[in-house]
Amino acid sequence: MEIMRVLDDLVCSRRIGGLQAASLRLLQNQAGDWQVATDPVGAPVGKWVFTTTGSAARVAMPDPRVMTDLTICGIIDHWVDEAADAA
C-alpha cells in the first residue's frame, strides 16, 4: 500500500469495457510521480488516500472483474507529508 494525494478527476470519453464505469482519479505519490487509479470510495481532489496495487487492486473494487492495477482503498482523515514540510 502507498499513500498518495488526489490531484484531479480523470474523465475519459472512450475506454475499454474492462474498466466498466469506474471513477478514475489522477494521483501523485510522495516521489512526485503521477498515476491513474480507480476510485470506489469517491475521494475528493486534494485529499490524501491509501492505495493498493496489483491483484489486490482488483479485489478492492466492488466488482473484481474491473481491469485495474491501482485502486484507492480509503481516504486519510489526517496526514502530514513530512518530506514536503521539510522542503
N, C-alpha and C. Protein backbone atom coordinates (compact mmCIF):
# COMPACT_ATOMS: atom_id res chain seq x y z
N MET A 1 0.84 -1.18 0.00
CA MET A 1 0.00 0.00 0.00
C MET A 1 0.88 1.24 0.00
N GLU A 2 0.33 2.30 -0.55
CA GLU A 2 1.08 3.55 -0.65
C GLU A 2 0.14 4.72 -0.38
N ILE A 3 0.68 5.76 0.21
CA ILE A 3 -0.08 6.98 0.44
C ILE A 3 0.15 7.92 -0.73
N MET A 4 -0.94 8.46 -1.28
CA MET A 4 -0.87 9.37 -2.42
C MET A 4 -1.87 10.50 -2.23
N ARG A 5 -1.71 11.56 -3.01
CA ARG A 5 -2.64 12.69 -2.97
C ARG A 5 -3.42 12.75 -4.28
N VAL A 6 -4.73 13.03 -4.16
CA VAL A 6 -5.59 13.14 -5.34
C VAL A 6 -5.36 14.51 -5.97
N LEU A 7 -4.94 14.50 -7.24
CA LEU A 7 -4.71 15.75 -7.96
C LEU A 7 -5.94 16.22 -8.71
N ASP A 8 -6.68 15.28 -9.30
CA ASP A 8 -7.82 15.68 -10.13
C ASP A 8 -8.63 14.46 -10.51
N ASP A 9 -9.84 14.72 -11.00
CA ASP A 9 -10.64 13.67 -11.63
C ASP A 9 -10.04 13.43 -13.01
N LEU A 10 -10.24 12.25 -13.53
CA LEU A 10 -9.79 11.95 -14.88
C LEU A 10 -11.00 11.44 -15.65
N VAL A 11 -11.39 12.17 -16.68
CA VAL A 11 -12.56 11.81 -17.46
C VAL A 11 -12.10 11.29 -18.82
N CYS A 12 -12.56 10.12 -19.18
CA CYS A 12 -12.23 9.51 -20.47
C CYS A 12 -13.52 9.25 -21.23
N SER A 13 -13.66 9.85 -22.39
CA SER A 13 -14.88 9.66 -23.17
C SER A 13 -14.92 8.28 -23.82
N ARG A 14 -13.76 7.69 -24.02
CA ARG A 14 -13.68 6.33 -24.56
C ARG A 14 -12.77 5.51 -23.66
N ARG A 15 -13.19 4.30 -23.36
CA ARG A 15 -12.38 3.41 -22.53
C ARG A 15 -12.73 1.97 -22.85
N ILE A 16 -11.85 1.07 -22.47
CA ILE A 16 -12.10 -0.34 -22.71
C ILE A 16 -13.24 -0.81 -21.80
N GLY A 17 -13.93 -1.83 -22.24
CA GLY A 17 -15.05 -2.36 -21.47
C GLY A 17 -14.65 -2.87 -20.10
N GLY A 18 -13.41 -3.33 -19.97
CA GLY A 18 -12.94 -3.88 -18.70
C GLY A 18 -12.86 -2.86 -17.58
N LEU A 19 -12.88 -1.58 -17.91
CA LEU A 19 -12.90 -0.54 -16.86
C LEU A 19 -14.31 -0.25 -16.38
N GLN A 20 -15.29 -0.77 -17.11
CA GLN A 20 -16.70 -0.53 -16.80
C GLN A 20 -16.93 0.96 -16.61
N ALA A 21 -17.64 1.34 -15.56
CA ALA A 21 -17.92 2.76 -15.31
C ALA A 21 -17.14 3.26 -14.11
N ALA A 22 -15.99 2.65 -13.83
CA ALA A 22 -15.19 3.02 -12.65
C ALA A 22 -14.75 4.47 -12.71
N SER A 23 -14.88 5.16 -11.58
CA SER A 23 -14.36 6.53 -11.48
C SER A 23 -12.84 6.48 -11.48
N LEU A 24 -12.23 7.44 -12.17
CA LEU A 24 -10.78 7.49 -12.26
C LEU A 24 -10.28 8.77 -11.62
N ARG A 25 -9.14 8.69 -10.95
CA ARG A 25 -8.52 9.85 -10.33
C ARG A 25 -7.04 9.90 -10.73
N LEU A 26 -6.53 11.11 -10.90
CA LEU A 26 -5.11 11.33 -11.11
C LEU A 26 -4.48 11.53 -9.74
N LEU A 27 -3.49 10.70 -9.41
CA LEU A 27 -2.83 10.74 -8.11
C LEU A 27 -1.38 11.12 -8.26
N GLN A 28 -0.80 11.62 -7.18
CA GLN A 28 0.63 11.90 -7.13
C GLN A 28 1.20 11.22 -5.89
N ASN A 29 2.24 10.41 -6.10
CA ASN A 29 2.87 9.77 -4.94
C ASN A 29 3.88 10.72 -4.31
N GLN A 30 4.49 10.29 -3.24
CA GLN A 30 5.39 11.17 -2.49
C GLN A 30 6.69 11.46 -3.24
N ALA A 31 6.99 10.67 -4.26
CA ALA A 31 8.16 10.94 -5.10
C ALA A 31 7.84 11.94 -6.20
N GLY A 32 6.55 12.31 -6.32
CA GLY A 32 6.14 13.29 -7.33
C GLY A 32 5.64 12.67 -8.62
N ASP A 33 5.60 11.35 -8.71
CA ASP A 33 5.14 10.68 -9.92
C ASP A 33 3.62 10.68 -9.98
N TRP A 34 3.08 10.82 -11.18
CA TRP A 34 1.63 10.80 -11.39
C TRP A 34 1.20 9.40 -11.80
N GLN A 35 0.04 8.99 -11.30
CA GLN A 35 -0.54 7.70 -11.67
C GLN A 35 -2.04 7.84 -11.72
N VAL A 36 -2.68 6.94 -12.45
CA VAL A 36 -4.14 6.91 -12.55
C VAL A 36 -4.64 5.72 -11.75
N ALA A 37 -5.68 5.97 -10.94
CA ALA A 37 -6.25 4.90 -10.11
C ALA A 37 -7.77 4.88 -10.26
N THR A 38 -8.33 3.69 -10.07
CA THR A 38 -9.78 3.60 -9.94
C THR A 38 -10.14 4.03 -8.53
N ASP A 39 -11.34 4.60 -8.39
CA ASP A 39 -11.74 5.18 -7.10
C ASP A 39 -13.14 4.73 -6.70
N PRO A 40 -13.25 3.65 -5.95
CA PRO A 40 -14.56 3.20 -5.50
C PRO A 40 -15.07 3.94 -4.26
N VAL A 41 -14.23 4.78 -3.65
CA VAL A 41 -14.62 5.46 -2.40
C VAL A 41 -15.03 6.92 -2.59
N GLY A 42 -14.82 7.49 -3.77
CA GLY A 42 -15.22 8.87 -4.03
C GLY A 42 -14.32 9.91 -3.39
N ALA A 43 -13.01 9.72 -3.49
CA ALA A 43 -12.04 10.64 -2.88
C ALA A 43 -12.04 11.99 -3.59
N PRO A 44 -12.20 13.10 -2.84
CA PRO A 44 -12.18 14.42 -3.47
C PRO A 44 -10.76 14.90 -3.75
N VAL A 45 -10.67 15.85 -4.67
CA VAL A 45 -9.38 16.44 -5.03
C VAL A 45 -8.74 17.05 -3.80
N GLY A 46 -7.42 16.85 -3.67
CA GLY A 46 -6.66 17.42 -2.57
C GLY A 46 -6.50 16.49 -1.37
N LYS A 47 -7.29 15.45 -1.29
CA LYS A 47 -7.23 14.53 -0.15
C LYS A 47 -6.09 13.53 -0.29
N TRP A 48 -5.56 13.11 0.85
CA TRP A 48 -4.59 12.02 0.90
C TRP A 48 -5.37 10.72 0.97
N VAL A 49 -4.89 9.72 0.23
CA VAL A 49 -5.56 8.42 0.18
C VAL A 49 -4.52 7.32 0.32
N PHE A 50 -4.98 6.13 0.67
CA PHE A 50 -4.07 4.99 0.59
C PHE A 50 -4.55 4.08 -0.52
N THR A 51 -3.59 3.50 -1.21
CA THR A 51 -3.87 2.73 -2.42
C THR A 51 -3.29 1.33 -2.32
N THR A 52 -3.77 0.49 -3.20
CA THR A 52 -3.19 -0.84 -3.34
C THR A 52 -2.98 -1.12 -4.81
N THR A 53 -2.04 -2.00 -5.11
CA THR A 53 -1.68 -2.29 -6.49
C THR A 53 -1.81 -3.78 -6.79
N GLY A 54 -1.62 -4.09 -8.06
CA GLY A 54 -1.61 -5.50 -8.48
C GLY A 54 -2.96 -6.16 -8.36
N SER A 55 -2.95 -7.46 -8.09
CA SER A 55 -4.21 -8.20 -8.00
C SER A 55 -5.07 -7.71 -6.84
N ALA A 56 -4.45 -7.19 -5.78
CA ALA A 56 -5.23 -6.64 -4.66
C ALA A 56 -6.05 -5.44 -5.10
N ALA A 57 -5.59 -4.71 -6.13
CA ALA A 57 -6.34 -3.56 -6.63
C ALA A 57 -7.67 -3.99 -7.23
N ARG A 58 -7.69 -5.13 -7.89
CA ARG A 58 -8.95 -5.65 -8.43
C ARG A 58 -9.89 -6.08 -7.33
N VAL A 59 -9.35 -6.76 -6.33
CA VAL A 59 -10.17 -7.25 -5.22
C VAL A 59 -10.75 -6.09 -4.42
N ALA A 60 -10.06 -4.95 -4.40
CA ALA A 60 -10.53 -3.78 -3.66
C ALA A 60 -11.72 -3.10 -4.34
N MET A 61 -11.96 -3.41 -5.59
CA MET A 61 -13.10 -2.83 -6.31
C MET A 61 -14.37 -3.59 -5.96
N PRO A 62 -15.53 -2.92 -6.01
CA PRO A 62 -16.79 -3.63 -5.75
C PRO A 62 -17.00 -4.81 -6.70
N ASP A 63 -16.54 -4.67 -7.93
CA ASP A 63 -16.59 -5.76 -8.91
C ASP A 63 -15.15 -6.13 -9.26
N PRO A 64 -14.65 -7.27 -8.80
CA PRO A 64 -13.24 -7.63 -9.03
C PRO A 64 -12.90 -7.93 -10.49
N ARG A 65 -13.89 -7.84 -11.38
CA ARG A 65 -13.60 -8.02 -12.82
C ARG A 65 -13.10 -6.74 -13.47
N VAL A 66 -13.17 -5.60 -12.75
CA VAL A 66 -12.68 -4.33 -13.29
C VAL A 66 -11.17 -4.45 -13.51
N MET A 67 -10.73 -4.07 -14.69
CA MET A 67 -9.32 -4.18 -15.05
C MET A 67 -8.54 -2.99 -14.51
N THR A 68 -7.96 -3.14 -13.34
CA THR A 68 -7.18 -2.07 -12.72
C THR A 68 -5.98 -2.66 -12.02
N ASP A 69 -4.93 -1.89 -11.92
CA ASP A 69 -3.77 -2.31 -11.12
C ASP A 69 -3.41 -1.26 -10.07
N LEU A 70 -4.28 -0.25 -9.89
CA LEU A 70 -4.12 0.73 -8.82
C LEU A 70 -5.51 1.20 -8.39
N THR A 71 -5.83 0.97 -7.11
CA THR A 71 -7.15 1.33 -6.59
C THR A 71 -7.00 2.10 -5.28
N ILE A 72 -7.81 3.14 -5.14
CA ILE A 72 -7.88 3.88 -3.88
C ILE A 72 -8.71 3.03 -2.92
N CYS A 73 -8.15 2.75 -1.74
CA CYS A 73 -8.83 1.92 -0.75
C CYS A 73 -9.47 2.73 0.36
N GLY A 74 -9.00 3.95 0.59
CA GLY A 74 -9.58 4.76 1.65
C GLY A 74 -9.04 6.18 1.63
N ILE A 75 -9.80 7.06 2.27
CA ILE A 75 -9.43 8.47 2.39
C ILE A 75 -8.82 8.66 3.77
N ILE A 76 -7.66 9.28 3.83
CA ILE A 76 -6.96 9.50 5.10
C ILE A 76 -7.51 10.77 5.74
N ASP A 77 -7.94 10.67 6.99
CA ASP A 77 -8.52 11.82 7.69
C ASP A 77 -7.48 12.86 8.06
N HIS A 78 -6.28 12.42 8.44
CA HIS A 78 -5.23 13.36 8.81
C HIS A 78 -3.89 12.79 8.40
N TRP A 79 -3.12 13.57 7.64
CA TRP A 79 -1.79 13.13 7.19
C TRP A 79 -0.94 14.36 6.98
N VAL A 80 0.26 14.32 7.49
CA VAL A 80 1.24 15.39 7.27
C VAL A 80 2.37 14.79 6.47
N ASP A 81 2.58 15.34 5.28
CA ASP A 81 3.68 14.88 4.42
C ASP A 81 4.96 15.52 4.94
N GLU A 82 5.69 14.80 5.75
CA GLU A 82 6.89 15.33 6.40
C GLU A 82 7.96 15.72 5.39
N ALA A 83 8.06 14.98 4.28
CA ALA A 83 9.06 15.31 3.26
C ALA A 83 8.75 16.67 2.63
N ALA A 84 7.48 16.94 2.35
CA ALA A 84 7.09 18.22 1.77
C ALA A 84 7.27 19.35 2.77
N ASP A 85 6.97 19.07 4.04
CA ASP A 85 7.12 20.11 5.07
C ASP A 85 8.58 20.47 5.31
N ALA A 86 9.48 19.51 5.13
CA ALA A 86 10.92 19.74 5.36
C ALA A 86 11.52 20.57 4.23
N ALA A 87 10.92 20.52 3.06
CA ALA A 87 11.46 21.23 1.88
C ALA A 87 11.21 22.71 1.92
